[in-house]
Amino acid sequence: MNKQSGIHYIREHREAGSSRPVPAEVSRIRDTVVAGLGDLLQGAFDAVDDSLFELANNARSNNEQNRYFEAMREIRIKRKGVERHFQDAVAQYFSNPPRSGHSDDAQQAASPSADSLALVGDDDLEEQVALNAMIAKAKAHFQGPLLQLQARFSAVYPDASDESPVNPMSPEHLCHAFTEAIQALEIQIRERLILLKQFDRYVVSNLGMLLDEAN
């Protein structure tokens, strides 16, 4: 489970030396969640393939058509690796759950300032805006189940507390695991946004059933 220990988001959000075994109560939840997210992600990738095929068929030039076909090929070749990366990263969140914190620091980290966004490239900014919108929508839509899970996970993990709660299934963690996983894909921003759109549609929007099962 630790082969993804280099994932930046995980490394930056866990305390040094805080690696600990998954509580027994959580092991079954972890396995169910990782498998369920894998199934949902397959649906997202199937939809991406269909979207790119349709765009290629409706392309206005050979160059544009070739671009979409190349993106299809790149994603098909690396799809299984991306899926494994994502599932391994999610499993890592259960071993080393990032701390949410209840101070304004966590909110500021999740919502970059205008000054910091000004330093980001246009493509990265466009992707970050889409990602932030996806996370905000999911946290609002699943607020009740997420708060219940956070309370339950925080009661089980030995170092968690009301002041430093944990929730491995928080939307921001799952979304960051996915964006890290697709870094391996050599595709342009439009195709990356298609990936995020279908991830939102097939995975994030369907988190409710996994949250309910975990609860």
N, C-alpha and C. Protein backbone atom coordinates (compact mmCIF):
# COMPACT_ATOMS: atom_id res chain seq x y z
N MET A 1 0.80 -1.21 0.00
CA MET A 1 0.00 0.00 0.00
C MET A 1 0.84 1.27 0.00
N ASN A 2 2.17 1.16 0.32
CA ASN A 2 2.95 2.37 0.48
C ASN A 2 3.75 2.75 -0.74
N LYS A 3 3.47 2.16 -1.90
CA LYS A 3 4.26 2.50 -3.08
C LYS A 3 3.94 3.89 -3.60
N GLN A 4 2.86 4.49 -3.12
CA GLN A 4 2.52 5.85 -3.55
C GLN A 4 2.96 6.89 -2.53
N SER A 5 3.94 6.55 -1.71
CA SER A 5 4.32 7.46 -0.62
C SER A 5 4.90 8.77 -1.14
N GLY A 6 5.21 8.83 -2.42
CA GLY A 6 5.73 10.07 -2.98
C GLY A 6 4.67 11.04 -3.39
N ILE A 7 3.42 10.70 -3.26
CA ILE A 7 2.35 11.61 -3.67
C ILE A 7 2.43 12.89 -2.85
N HIS A 8 2.53 14.02 -3.53
CA HIS A 8 2.78 15.28 -2.84
C HIS A 8 1.68 15.62 -1.84
N TYR A 9 0.44 15.47 -2.25
CA TYR A 9 -0.66 15.88 -1.38
C TYR A 9 -0.65 15.11 -0.08
N ILE A 10 -0.39 13.81 -0.18
CA ILE A 10 -0.34 12.98 1.03
C ILE A 10 0.84 13.40 1.90
N ARG A 11 1.99 13.56 1.26
CA ARG A 11 3.18 13.87 2.04
C ARG A 11 3.06 15.21 2.76
N GLU A 12 2.47 16.19 2.09
CA GLU A 12 2.37 17.52 2.67
C GLU A 12 1.33 17.59 3.79
N HIS A 13 0.38 16.65 3.81
CA HIS A 13 -0.72 16.75 4.76
C HIS A 13 -0.65 15.73 5.89
N ARG A 14 0.46 14.99 5.98
CA ARG A 14 0.56 14.08 7.12
C ARG A 14 1.75 14.50 7.97
N GLU A 15 1.70 14.18 9.23
CA GLU A 15 2.76 14.57 10.14
C GLU A 15 3.93 13.62 9.98
N ALA A 16 5.14 14.15 10.13
CA ALA A 16 6.33 13.32 10.03
C ALA A 16 6.29 12.26 11.12
N GLY A 17 6.55 11.01 10.70
CA GLY A 17 6.59 9.92 11.65
C GLY A 17 5.23 9.47 12.14
N SER A 18 4.14 9.92 11.48
CA SER A 18 2.81 9.60 11.99
C SER A 18 2.22 8.35 11.35
N SER A 19 3.01 7.66 10.52
CA SER A 19 2.50 6.46 9.87
C SER A 19 2.09 5.45 10.93
N ARG A 20 0.91 4.89 10.76
CA ARG A 20 0.41 3.95 11.75
C ARG A 20 -0.50 2.95 11.06
N PRO A 21 -0.67 1.78 11.64
CA PRO A 21 -1.53 0.79 11.01
C PRO A 21 -2.98 1.25 10.98
N VAL A 22 -3.69 0.78 9.96
CA VAL A 22 -5.11 1.11 9.85
C VAL A 22 -5.86 0.43 10.98
N PRO A 23 -6.68 1.17 11.74
CA PRO A 23 -7.47 0.54 12.81
C PRO A 23 -8.31 -0.60 12.25
N ALA A 24 -8.46 -1.64 13.03
CA ALA A 24 -9.19 -2.82 12.55
C ALA A 24 -10.59 -2.48 12.08
N GLU A 25 -11.22 -1.52 12.77
CA GLU A 25 -12.59 -1.15 12.40
C GLU A 25 -12.66 -0.52 11.02
N VAL A 26 -11.52 0.01 10.56
CA VAL A 26 -11.50 0.76 9.30
C VAL A 26 -11.08 -0.11 8.11
N SER A 27 -10.43 -1.23 8.37
CA SER A 27 -9.88 -2.04 7.29
C SER A 27 -10.94 -2.47 6.28
N ARG A 28 -12.07 -2.92 6.77
CA ARG A 28 -13.12 -3.38 5.86
C ARG A 28 -13.70 -2.21 5.08
N ILE A 29 -13.85 -1.06 5.75
CA ILE A 29 -14.34 0.13 5.06
C ILE A 29 -13.38 0.52 3.95
N ARG A 30 -12.08 0.51 4.26
CA ARG A 30 -11.07 0.86 3.26
C ARG A 30 -11.19 -0.02 2.03
N ASP A 31 -11.26 -1.32 2.24
CA ASP A 31 -11.31 -2.25 1.11
C ASP A 31 -12.57 -2.03 0.27
N THR A 32 -13.69 -1.81 0.94
CA THR A 32 -14.95 -1.57 0.23
C THR A 32 -14.90 -0.27 -0.56
N VAL A 33 -14.36 0.78 0.06
CA VAL A 33 -14.30 2.08 -0.59
C VAL A 33 -13.36 2.05 -1.79
N VAL A 34 -12.18 1.46 -1.62
CA VAL A 34 -11.22 1.41 -2.72
C VAL A 34 -11.79 0.63 -3.90
N ALA A 35 -12.45 -0.48 -3.62
CA ALA A 35 -13.06 -1.27 -4.71
C ALA A 35 -14.20 -0.49 -5.36
N GLY A 36 -15.04 0.14 -4.54
CA GLY A 36 -16.17 0.89 -5.08
C GLY A 36 -15.73 2.07 -5.93
N LEU A 37 -14.71 2.80 -5.47
CA LEU A 37 -14.19 3.92 -6.26
C LEU A 37 -13.57 3.43 -7.56
N GLY A 38 -12.94 2.26 -7.52
CA GLY A 38 -12.37 1.69 -8.74
C GLY A 38 -13.45 1.41 -9.77
N ASP A 39 -14.57 0.86 -9.32
CA ASP A 39 -15.69 0.59 -10.24
C ASP A 39 -16.24 1.89 -10.83
N LEU A 40 -16.40 2.91 -10.00
CA LEU A 40 -16.91 4.19 -10.48
C LEU A 40 -15.93 4.83 -11.47
N LEU A 41 -14.64 4.70 -11.19
CA LEU A 41 -13.63 5.30 -12.07
C LEU A 41 -13.62 4.64 -13.44
N GLN A 42 -13.91 3.35 -13.50
CA GLN A 42 -13.99 2.69 -14.80
C GLN A 42 -15.09 3.31 -15.65
N GLY A 43 -16.21 3.62 -15.03
CA GLY A 43 -17.29 4.28 -15.76
C GLY A 43 -16.87 5.65 -16.27
N ALA A 44 -16.09 6.37 -15.45
CA ALA A 44 -15.61 7.69 -15.86
C ALA A 44 -14.68 7.58 -17.07
N PHE A 45 -13.79 6.62 -17.06
CA PHE A 45 -12.86 6.47 -18.18
C PHE A 45 -13.58 6.01 -19.45
N ASP A 46 -14.58 5.17 -19.30
CA ASP A 46 -15.38 4.78 -20.47
C ASP A 46 -16.05 6.00 -21.09
N ALA A 47 -16.56 6.89 -20.24
CA ALA A 47 -17.23 8.09 -20.72
C ALA A 47 -16.23 9.05 -21.38
N VAL A 48 -15.02 9.13 -20.84
CA VAL A 48 -13.98 9.96 -21.45
C VAL A 48 -13.66 9.45 -22.86
N ASP A 49 -13.54 8.14 -22.99
CA ASP A 49 -13.25 7.55 -24.29
C ASP A 49 -14.35 7.89 -25.30
N ASP A 50 -15.60 7.79 -24.86
CA ASP A 50 -16.73 8.12 -25.75
C ASP A 50 -16.71 9.60 -26.12
N SER A 51 -16.40 10.46 -25.16
CA SER A 51 -16.38 11.90 -25.42
C SER A 51 -15.30 12.27 -26.43
N LEU A 52 -14.12 11.70 -26.26
CA LEU A 52 -13.02 12.01 -27.18
C LEU A 52 -13.30 11.46 -28.57
N PHE A 53 -13.92 10.30 -28.64
CA PHE A 53 -14.28 9.72 -29.95
C PHE A 53 -15.27 10.62 -30.67
N GLU A 54 -16.24 11.13 -29.93
CA GLU A 54 -17.24 12.01 -30.54
C GLU A 54 -16.60 13.32 -30.99
N LEU A 55 -15.70 13.87 -30.18
CA LEU A 55 -15.01 15.09 -30.56
C LEU A 55 -14.16 14.88 -31.80
N ALA A 56 -13.51 13.72 -31.90
CA ALA A 56 -12.69 13.42 -33.07
C ALA A 56 -13.56 13.32 -34.32
N ASN A 57 -14.71 12.69 -34.19
CA ASN A 57 -15.61 12.55 -35.34
C ASN A 57 -16.15 13.90 -35.82
N ASN A 58 -16.29 14.84 -34.89
CA ASN A 58 -16.83 16.15 -35.24
C ASN A 58 -15.75 17.21 -35.43
N ALA A 59 -14.51 16.78 -35.48
CA ALA A 59 -13.40 17.72 -35.62
C ALA A 59 -13.48 18.47 -36.94
N ARG A 60 -13.01 19.73 -36.91
CA ARG A 60 -13.09 20.58 -38.10
C ARG A 60 -11.84 20.50 -38.96
N SER A 61 -10.82 19.82 -38.49
CA SER A 61 -9.58 19.68 -39.26
C SER A 61 -8.91 18.36 -38.91
N ASN A 62 -8.00 17.94 -39.78
CA ASN A 62 -7.26 16.71 -39.51
C ASN A 62 -6.40 16.84 -38.27
N ASN A 63 -5.81 18.02 -38.07
CA ASN A 63 -4.97 18.22 -36.89
C ASN A 63 -5.77 18.08 -35.60
N GLU A 64 -6.96 18.68 -35.61
CA GLU A 64 -7.81 18.58 -34.43
C GLU A 64 -8.25 17.14 -34.19
N GLN A 65 -8.61 16.45 -35.27
CA GLN A 65 -9.02 15.06 -35.14
C GLN A 65 -7.88 14.20 -34.60
N ASN A 66 -6.68 14.42 -35.14
CA ASN A 66 -5.52 13.64 -34.69
C ASN A 66 -5.23 13.90 -33.21
N ARG A 67 -5.44 15.14 -32.78
CA ARG A 67 -5.21 15.48 -31.37
C ARG A 67 -6.09 14.64 -30.46
N TYR A 68 -7.37 14.51 -30.81
CA TYR A 68 -8.28 13.74 -29.96
C TYR A 68 -7.99 12.25 -30.02
N PHE A 69 -7.64 11.76 -31.20
CA PHE A 69 -7.29 10.35 -31.31
C PHE A 69 -6.01 10.03 -30.54
N GLU A 70 -5.05 10.96 -30.56
CA GLU A 70 -3.82 10.76 -29.80
C GLU A 70 -4.11 10.75 -28.30
N ALA A 71 -5.01 11.65 -27.87
CA ALA A 71 -5.39 11.67 -26.45
C ALA A 71 -6.08 10.37 -26.07
N MET A 72 -6.96 9.87 -26.93
CA MET A 72 -7.62 8.58 -26.68
C MET A 72 -6.60 7.48 -26.51
N ARG A 73 -5.63 7.46 -27.41
CA ARG A 73 -4.61 6.42 -27.36
C ARG A 73 -3.78 6.51 -26.08
N GLU A 74 -3.38 7.74 -25.72
CA GLU A 74 -2.58 7.95 -24.52
C GLU A 74 -3.35 7.47 -23.27
N ILE A 75 -4.61 7.82 -23.19
CA ILE A 75 -5.41 7.43 -22.02
C ILE A 75 -5.65 5.93 -21.98
N ARG A 76 -5.92 5.33 -23.13
CA ARG A 76 -6.14 3.89 -23.16
C ARG A 76 -4.90 3.13 -22.72
N ILE A 77 -3.73 3.59 -23.15
CA ILE A 77 -2.47 2.92 -22.81
C ILE A 77 -2.19 3.00 -21.31
N LYS A 78 -2.44 4.17 -20.72
CA LYS A 78 -2.05 4.42 -19.32
C LYS A 78 -3.20 4.30 -18.33
N ARG A 79 -4.37 3.97 -18.84
CA ARG A 79 -5.56 3.95 -17.99
C ARG A 79 -5.41 3.04 -16.77
N LYS A 80 -4.97 1.82 -16.96
CA LYS A 80 -4.86 0.88 -15.84
C LYS A 80 -3.89 1.38 -14.79
N GLY A 81 -2.79 1.99 -15.25
CA GLY A 81 -1.83 2.53 -14.30
C GLY A 81 -2.41 3.68 -13.50
N VAL A 82 -3.20 4.53 -14.16
CA VAL A 82 -3.84 5.64 -13.46
C VAL A 82 -4.84 5.12 -12.43
N GLU A 83 -5.61 4.11 -12.82
CA GLU A 83 -6.59 3.53 -11.90
C GLU A 83 -5.90 2.95 -10.67
N ARG A 84 -4.79 2.23 -10.87
CA ARG A 84 -4.05 1.66 -9.73
C ARG A 84 -3.48 2.76 -8.85
N HIS A 85 -2.92 3.78 -9.49
CA HIS A 85 -2.36 4.91 -8.74
C HIS A 85 -3.42 5.55 -7.85
N PHE A 86 -4.57 5.79 -8.42
CA PHE A 86 -5.67 6.41 -7.68
C PHE A 86 -6.10 5.54 -6.50
N GLN A 87 -6.30 4.25 -6.74
CA GLN A 87 -6.75 3.37 -5.67
C GLN A 87 -5.69 3.23 -4.58
N ASP A 88 -4.42 3.16 -4.97
CA ASP A 88 -3.36 3.08 -3.98
C ASP A 88 -3.29 4.36 -3.14
N ALA A 89 -3.49 5.50 -3.80
CA ALA A 89 -3.46 6.77 -3.08
C ALA A 89 -4.60 6.86 -2.07
N VAL A 90 -5.80 6.41 -2.48
CA VAL A 90 -6.93 6.42 -1.55
C VAL A 90 -6.65 5.49 -0.37
N ALA A 91 -6.09 4.32 -0.64
CA ALA A 91 -5.74 3.40 0.44
C ALA A 91 -4.75 4.05 1.40
N GLN A 92 -3.83 4.85 0.86
CA GLN A 92 -2.86 5.54 1.72
C GLN A 92 -3.53 6.53 2.66
N TYR A 93 -4.62 7.13 2.21
CA TYR A 93 -5.32 8.08 3.07
C TYR A 93 -5.86 7.38 4.32
N PHE A 94 -6.17 6.11 4.20
CA PHE A 94 -6.66 5.37 5.37
C PHE A 94 -5.50 5.02 6.31
N SER A 95 -4.29 4.85 5.76
CA SER A 95 -3.12 4.58 6.60
C SER A 95 -2.58 5.85 7.23
N ASN A 96 -2.60 6.94 6.46
CA ASN A 96 -2.09 8.22 6.93
C ASN A 96 -3.09 9.32 6.58
N PRO A 97 -4.22 9.37 7.28
CA PRO A 97 -5.25 10.35 6.92
C PRO A 97 -4.77 11.77 7.12
N PRO A 98 -4.90 12.63 6.09
CA PRO A 98 -4.54 14.03 6.25
C PRO A 98 -5.43 14.68 7.31
N ARG A 99 -4.87 15.62 8.03
CA ARG A 99 -5.63 16.30 9.08
C ARG A 99 -6.41 17.45 8.48
N SER A 100 -7.68 17.53 8.84
CA SER A 100 -8.51 18.61 8.34
C SER A 100 -8.27 19.89 9.13
N GLY A 101 -8.17 19.75 10.42
CA GLY A 101 -8.03 20.93 11.27
C GLY A 101 -9.32 21.73 11.30
N HIS A 102 -9.54 22.53 12.33
CA HIS A 102 -10.76 23.32 12.33
C HIS A 102 -10.46 24.81 12.26
N SER A 103 -9.19 25.15 12.09
CA SER A 103 -8.83 26.57 12.00
C SER A 103 -9.01 27.07 10.59
N ASP A 104 -8.82 28.36 10.40
CA ASP A 104 -8.95 28.96 9.09
C ASP A 104 -7.82 28.55 8.17
N ASP A 105 -6.74 27.97 8.73
CA ASP A 105 -5.61 27.57 7.90
C ASP A 105 -6.03 26.55 6.86
N ALA A 106 -6.84 25.58 7.25
CA ALA A 106 -7.26 24.54 6.32
C ALA A 106 -8.10 25.14 5.19
N GLN A 107 -8.98 26.08 5.56
CA GLN A 107 -9.81 26.71 4.55
C GLN A 107 -8.97 27.51 3.58
N GLN A 108 -7.96 28.21 4.10
CA GLN A 108 -7.10 29.01 3.24
C GLN A 108 -6.28 28.12 2.31
N ALA A 109 -5.86 26.96 2.81
CA ALA A 109 -5.10 26.04 1.97
C ALA A 109 -5.94 25.51 0.84
N ALA A 110 -7.23 25.27 1.12
CA ALA A 110 -8.12 24.72 0.10
C ALA A 110 -8.58 25.78 -0.88
N SER A 111 -8.54 27.05 -0.47
CA SER A 111 -9.00 28.15 -1.32
C SER A 111 -7.86 29.14 -1.53
N PRO A 112 -7.06 28.96 -2.59
CA PRO A 112 -5.92 29.83 -2.82
C PRO A 112 -6.35 31.29 -2.96
N SER A 113 -5.47 32.20 -2.54
CA SER A 113 -5.77 33.61 -2.65
C SER A 113 -5.62 34.09 -4.08
N ALA A 114 -6.14 35.29 -4.35
CA ALA A 114 -6.02 35.87 -5.69
C ALA A 114 -4.56 36.08 -6.06
N ASP A 115 -3.73 36.46 -5.07
CA ASP A 115 -2.32 36.68 -5.34
C ASP A 115 -1.62 35.39 -5.74
N SER A 116 -1.95 34.28 -5.04
CA SER A 116 -1.30 33.03 -5.38
C SER A 116 -1.78 32.51 -6.73
N LEU A 117 -3.06 32.70 -7.03
CA LEU A 117 -3.57 32.25 -8.32
C LEU A 117 -2.98 33.05 -9.47
N ALA A 118 -2.59 34.29 -9.23
CA ALA A 118 -2.01 35.12 -10.28
C ALA A 118 -0.67 34.56 -10.75
N LEU A 119 -0.02 33.76 -9.89
CA LEU A 119 1.27 33.18 -10.24
C LEU A 119 1.14 31.86 -10.97
N VAL A 120 -0.08 31.36 -11.12
CA VAL A 120 -0.32 30.06 -11.74
C VAL A 120 -0.58 30.25 -13.23
N GLY A 121 -0.07 29.31 -14.06
CA GLY A 121 -0.30 29.37 -15.49
C GLY A 121 -1.78 29.24 -15.81
N ASP A 122 -2.17 29.71 -17.00
CA ASP A 122 -3.58 29.71 -17.38
C ASP A 122 -4.17 28.30 -17.35
N ASP A 123 -3.45 27.32 -17.89
CA ASP A 123 -3.97 25.95 -17.92
C ASP A 123 -4.12 25.39 -16.52
N ASP A 124 -3.11 25.60 -15.68
CA ASP A 124 -3.18 25.12 -14.30
C ASP A 124 -4.30 25.81 -13.54
N LEU A 125 -4.48 27.10 -13.82
CA LEU A 125 -5.54 27.85 -13.15
C LEU A 125 -6.91 27.31 -13.54
N GLU A 126 -7.08 27.04 -14.83
CA GLU A 126 -8.35 26.52 -15.31
C GLU A 126 -8.66 25.17 -14.66
N GLU A 127 -7.64 24.35 -14.53
CA GLU A 127 -7.82 23.04 -13.89
C GLU A 127 -8.12 23.19 -12.41
N GLN A 128 -7.43 24.12 -11.74
CA GLN A 128 -7.64 24.32 -10.31
C GLN A 128 -9.03 24.85 -10.02
N VAL A 129 -9.51 25.75 -10.88
CA VAL A 129 -10.86 26.29 -10.70
C VAL A 129 -11.89 25.17 -10.82
N ALA A 130 -11.72 24.29 -11.83
CA ALA A 130 -12.64 23.17 -12.01
C ALA A 130 -12.58 22.23 -10.81
N LEU A 131 -11.38 22.00 -10.30
CA LEU A 131 -11.20 21.10 -9.15
C LEU A 131 -11.84 21.68 -7.90
N ASN A 132 -11.62 22.97 -7.65
CA ASN A 132 -12.20 23.61 -6.47
C ASN A 132 -13.72 23.60 -6.51
N ALA A 133 -14.29 23.83 -7.70
CA ALA A 133 -15.74 23.81 -7.84
C ALA A 133 -16.30 22.42 -7.56
N MET A 134 -15.60 21.40 -8.05
CA MET A 134 -16.03 20.02 -7.83
C MET A 134 -16.02 19.67 -6.34
N ILE A 135 -14.96 20.07 -5.66
CA ILE A 135 -14.82 19.78 -4.23
C ILE A 135 -15.89 20.51 -3.43
N ALA A 136 -16.09 21.79 -3.73
CA ALA A 136 -17.07 22.58 -2.99
C ALA A 136 -18.48 22.02 -3.17
N LYS A 137 -18.81 21.62 -4.39
CA LYS A 137 -20.14 21.06 -4.66
C LYS A 137 -20.35 19.76 -3.88
N ALA A 138 -19.34 18.90 -3.88
CA ALA A 138 -19.45 17.62 -3.18
C ALA A 138 -19.57 17.81 -1.68
N LYS A 139 -18.78 18.71 -1.11
CA LYS A 139 -18.82 18.94 0.33
C LYS A 139 -20.16 19.51 0.77
N ALA A 140 -20.76 20.33 -0.10
CA ALA A 140 -22.08 20.88 0.21
C ALA A 140 -23.16 19.81 0.07
N HIS A 141 -23.07 19.02 -1.00
CA HIS A 141 -24.11 18.03 -1.29
C HIS A 141 -24.11 16.88 -0.27
N PHE A 142 -22.90 16.49 0.17
CA PHE A 142 -22.78 15.34 1.09
C PHE A 142 -22.38 15.79 2.50
N GLN A 143 -22.76 16.99 2.86
CA GLN A 143 -22.32 17.55 4.14
C GLN A 143 -22.66 16.66 5.33
N GLY A 144 -23.90 16.18 5.40
CA GLY A 144 -24.32 15.36 6.52
C GLY A 144 -23.52 14.08 6.67
N PRO A 145 -23.49 13.22 5.64
CA PRO A 145 -22.72 11.98 5.74
C PRO A 145 -21.23 12.22 5.98
N LEU A 146 -20.67 13.29 5.40
CA LEU A 146 -19.26 13.58 5.59
C LEU A 146 -18.96 13.95 7.04
N LEU A 147 -19.83 14.74 7.66
CA LEU A 147 -19.63 15.11 9.06
C LEU A 147 -19.77 13.90 9.98
N GLN A 148 -20.72 13.03 9.66
CA GLN A 148 -20.88 11.81 10.45
C GLN A 148 -19.64 10.93 10.35
N LEU A 149 -19.14 10.77 9.14
CA LEU A 149 -17.94 9.94 8.94
C LEU A 149 -16.74 10.56 9.64
N GLN A 150 -16.62 11.88 9.53
CA GLN A 150 -15.48 12.55 10.17
C GLN A 150 -15.50 12.30 11.68
N ALA A 151 -16.67 12.38 12.28
CA ALA A 151 -16.77 12.15 13.72
C ALA A 151 -16.40 10.71 14.06
N ARG A 152 -16.85 9.77 13.23
CA ARG A 152 -16.58 8.35 13.50
C ARG A 152 -15.11 8.00 13.27
N PHE A 153 -14.54 8.48 12.15
CA PHE A 153 -13.12 8.23 11.90
C PHE A 153 -12.26 8.87 12.99
N SER A 154 -12.62 10.08 13.40
CA SER A 154 -11.82 10.79 14.39
C SER A 154 -11.89 10.12 15.76
N ALA A 155 -12.96 9.35 16.00
CA ALA A 155 -13.07 8.61 17.26
C ALA A 155 -12.24 7.33 17.23
N VAL A 156 -11.94 6.85 16.03
CA VAL A 156 -11.24 5.57 15.88
C VAL A 156 -9.73 5.75 15.78
N TYR A 157 -9.28 6.74 15.01
CA TYR A 157 -7.84 6.94 14.85
C TYR A 157 -7.26 7.51 16.14
N PRO A 158 -6.18 6.93 16.64
CA PRO A 158 -5.69 7.26 17.99
C PRO A 158 -5.25 8.70 18.16
N ASP A 159 -4.70 9.33 17.13
CA ASP A 159 -4.17 10.68 17.29
C ASP A 159 -5.14 11.77 16.84
N ALA A 160 -6.33 11.39 16.40
CA ALA A 160 -7.31 12.38 15.94
C ALA A 160 -8.08 12.95 17.13
N SER A 161 -8.68 14.12 16.91
CA SER A 161 -9.45 14.77 17.97
C SER A 161 -10.43 15.74 17.32
N ASP A 162 -11.26 16.35 18.15
CA ASP A 162 -12.19 17.35 17.64
C ASP A 162 -11.45 18.53 17.00
N GLU A 163 -10.29 18.85 17.57
CA GLU A 163 -9.50 19.96 17.04
C GLU A 163 -8.71 19.55 15.80
N SER A 164 -8.46 18.26 15.65
CA SER A 164 -7.68 17.76 14.51
C SER A 164 -8.36 16.51 13.95
N PRO A 165 -9.54 16.70 13.34
CA PRO A 165 -10.31 15.55 12.84
C PRO A 165 -9.72 14.97 11.56
N VAL A 166 -10.12 13.75 11.24
CA VAL A 166 -9.66 13.11 10.00
C VAL A 166 -10.87 12.51 9.28
N ASN A 167 -10.76 12.45 7.98
CA ASN A 167 -11.76 11.78 7.16
C ASN A 167 -11.10 11.38 5.84
N PRO A 168 -10.64 10.12 5.72
CA PRO A 168 -9.98 9.67 4.50
C PRO A 168 -10.85 9.81 3.25
N MET A 169 -12.17 9.91 3.43
CA MET A 169 -13.08 9.96 2.30
C MET A 169 -13.53 11.38 1.96
N SER A 170 -12.86 12.37 2.51
CA SER A 170 -13.22 13.75 2.21
C SER A 170 -13.01 14.03 0.72
N PRO A 171 -13.93 14.75 0.07
CA PRO A 171 -13.83 14.97 -1.38
C PRO A 171 -12.51 15.58 -1.82
N GLU A 172 -11.93 16.50 -1.02
CA GLU A 172 -10.68 17.10 -1.46
C GLU A 172 -9.56 16.07 -1.54
N HIS A 173 -9.57 15.08 -0.63
CA HIS A 173 -8.55 14.04 -0.68
C HIS A 173 -8.72 13.16 -1.92
N LEU A 174 -9.95 12.76 -2.20
CA LEU A 174 -10.20 11.90 -3.36
C LEU A 174 -9.90 12.62 -4.66
N CYS A 175 -10.25 13.90 -4.73
CA CYS A 175 -9.99 14.66 -5.96
C CYS A 175 -8.50 14.87 -6.17
N HIS A 176 -7.78 15.14 -5.09
CA HIS A 176 -6.34 15.32 -5.23
C HIS A 176 -5.65 14.00 -5.58
N ALA A 177 -6.16 12.90 -5.08
CA ALA A 177 -5.61 11.60 -5.46
C ALA A 177 -5.76 11.38 -6.97
N PHE A 178 -6.90 11.80 -7.52
CA PHE A 178 -7.13 11.63 -8.95
C PHE A 178 -6.24 12.56 -9.77
N THR A 179 -6.13 13.81 -9.36
CA THR A 179 -5.30 14.74 -10.14
C THR A 179 -3.83 14.32 -10.10
N GLU A 180 -3.39 13.74 -8.98
CA GLU A 180 -2.04 13.20 -8.93
C GLU A 180 -1.90 12.02 -9.88
N ALA A 181 -2.92 11.17 -9.93
CA ALA A 181 -2.86 9.97 -10.77
C ALA A 181 -2.77 10.31 -12.24
N ILE A 182 -3.47 11.38 -12.67
CA ILE A 182 -3.49 11.70 -14.10
C ILE A 182 -2.30 12.54 -14.53
N GLN A 183 -1.39 12.84 -13.61
CA GLN A 183 -0.17 13.55 -14.00
C GLN A 183 0.64 12.73 -15.01
N ALA A 184 0.46 11.43 -15.00
CA ALA A 184 1.21 10.57 -15.91
C ALA A 184 0.73 10.70 -17.36
N LEU A 185 -0.44 11.29 -17.57
CA LEU A 185 -1.01 11.39 -18.91
C LEU A 185 -0.46 12.62 -19.63
N GLU A 186 0.08 12.40 -20.82
CA GLU A 186 0.61 13.50 -21.63
C GLU A 186 -0.50 13.99 -22.56
N ILE A 187 -1.39 14.80 -21.99
CA ILE A 187 -2.53 15.33 -22.73
C ILE A 187 -2.65 16.82 -22.45
N GLN A 188 -3.41 17.52 -23.28
CA GLN A 188 -3.55 18.96 -23.15
C GLN A 188 -4.70 19.30 -22.20
N ILE A 189 -4.83 20.61 -21.93
CA ILE A 189 -5.76 21.05 -20.91
C ILE A 189 -7.20 20.68 -21.24
N ARG A 190 -7.61 20.76 -22.51
CA ARG A 190 -9.01 20.46 -22.83
C ARG A 190 -9.33 19.01 -22.49
N GLU A 191 -8.39 18.10 -22.79
CA GLU A 191 -8.63 16.69 -22.47
C GLU A 191 -8.59 16.45 -20.96
N ARG A 192 -7.74 17.20 -20.25
CA ARG A 192 -7.69 17.07 -18.79
C ARG A 192 -9.00 17.53 -18.16
N LEU A 193 -9.57 18.59 -18.71
CA LEU A 193 -10.85 19.07 -18.20
C LEU A 193 -11.97 18.07 -18.48
N ILE A 194 -11.89 17.39 -19.61
CA ILE A 194 -12.86 16.33 -19.90
C ILE A 194 -12.73 15.22 -18.86
N LEU A 195 -11.50 14.86 -18.52
CA LEU A 195 -11.27 13.85 -17.48
C LEU A 195 -11.89 14.29 -16.15
N LEU A 196 -11.64 15.53 -15.76
CA LEU A 196 -12.18 16.02 -14.50
C LEU A 196 -13.70 16.06 -14.52
N LYS A 197 -14.27 16.44 -15.66
CA LYS A 197 -15.72 16.50 -15.78
C LYS A 197 -16.35 15.12 -15.58
N GLN A 198 -15.77 14.12 -16.21
CA GLN A 198 -16.32 12.77 -16.09
C GLN A 198 -16.02 12.16 -14.73
N PHE A 199 -14.89 12.53 -14.12
CA PHE A 199 -14.61 12.08 -12.76
C PHE A 199 -15.65 12.65 -11.80
N ASP A 200 -16.00 13.91 -12.01
CA ASP A 200 -17.04 14.54 -11.20
C ASP A 200 -18.37 13.83 -11.41
N ARG A 201 -18.70 13.58 -12.66
CA ARG A 201 -20.01 13.00 -13.00
C ARG A 201 -20.16 11.57 -12.51
N TYR A 202 -19.13 10.75 -12.68
CA TYR A 202 -19.25 9.33 -12.39
C TYR A 202 -18.74 8.92 -11.02
N VAL A 203 -17.79 9.66 -10.47
CA VAL A 203 -17.20 9.27 -9.19
C VAL A 203 -17.69 10.18 -8.06
N VAL A 204 -17.35 11.47 -8.14
CA VAL A 204 -17.66 12.38 -7.04
C VAL A 204 -19.18 12.49 -6.81
N SER A 205 -19.94 12.60 -7.87
CA SER A 205 -21.39 12.76 -7.73
C SER A 205 -22.06 11.51 -7.18
N ASN A 206 -21.36 10.37 -7.23
CA ASN A 206 -21.91 9.11 -6.73
C ASN A 206 -21.27 8.67 -5.41
N LEU A 207 -20.62 9.60 -4.72
CA LEU A 207 -20.00 9.26 -3.45
C LEU A 207 -21.02 8.90 -2.37
N GLY A 208 -22.25 9.36 -2.55
CA GLY A 208 -23.26 9.16 -1.52
C GLY A 208 -23.42 7.73 -1.07
N MET A 209 -23.44 6.81 -2.03
CA MET A 209 -23.67 5.40 -1.66
C MET A 209 -22.48 4.84 -0.88
N LEU A 210 -21.25 5.27 -1.22
CA LEU A 210 -20.08 4.80 -0.49
C LEU A 210 -20.01 5.42 0.89
N LEU A 211 -20.40 6.70 0.99
CA LEU A 211 -20.42 7.36 2.30
C LEU A 211 -21.45 6.72 3.22
N ASP A 212 -22.61 6.42 2.65
CA ASP A 212 -23.65 5.77 3.47
C ASP A 212 -23.21 4.40 3.92
N GLU A 213 -22.57 3.65 3.03
CA GLU A 213 -22.10 2.31 3.39
C GLU A 213 -21.03 2.38 4.46
N ALA A 214 -20.13 3.35 4.31
CA ALA A 214 -19.05 3.51 5.31
C ALA A 214 -19.65 3.89 6.67
N ASN A 215 -20.63 4.77 6.66
CA ASN A 215 -21.27 5.16 7.92
C ASN A 215 -21.99 3.98 8.57
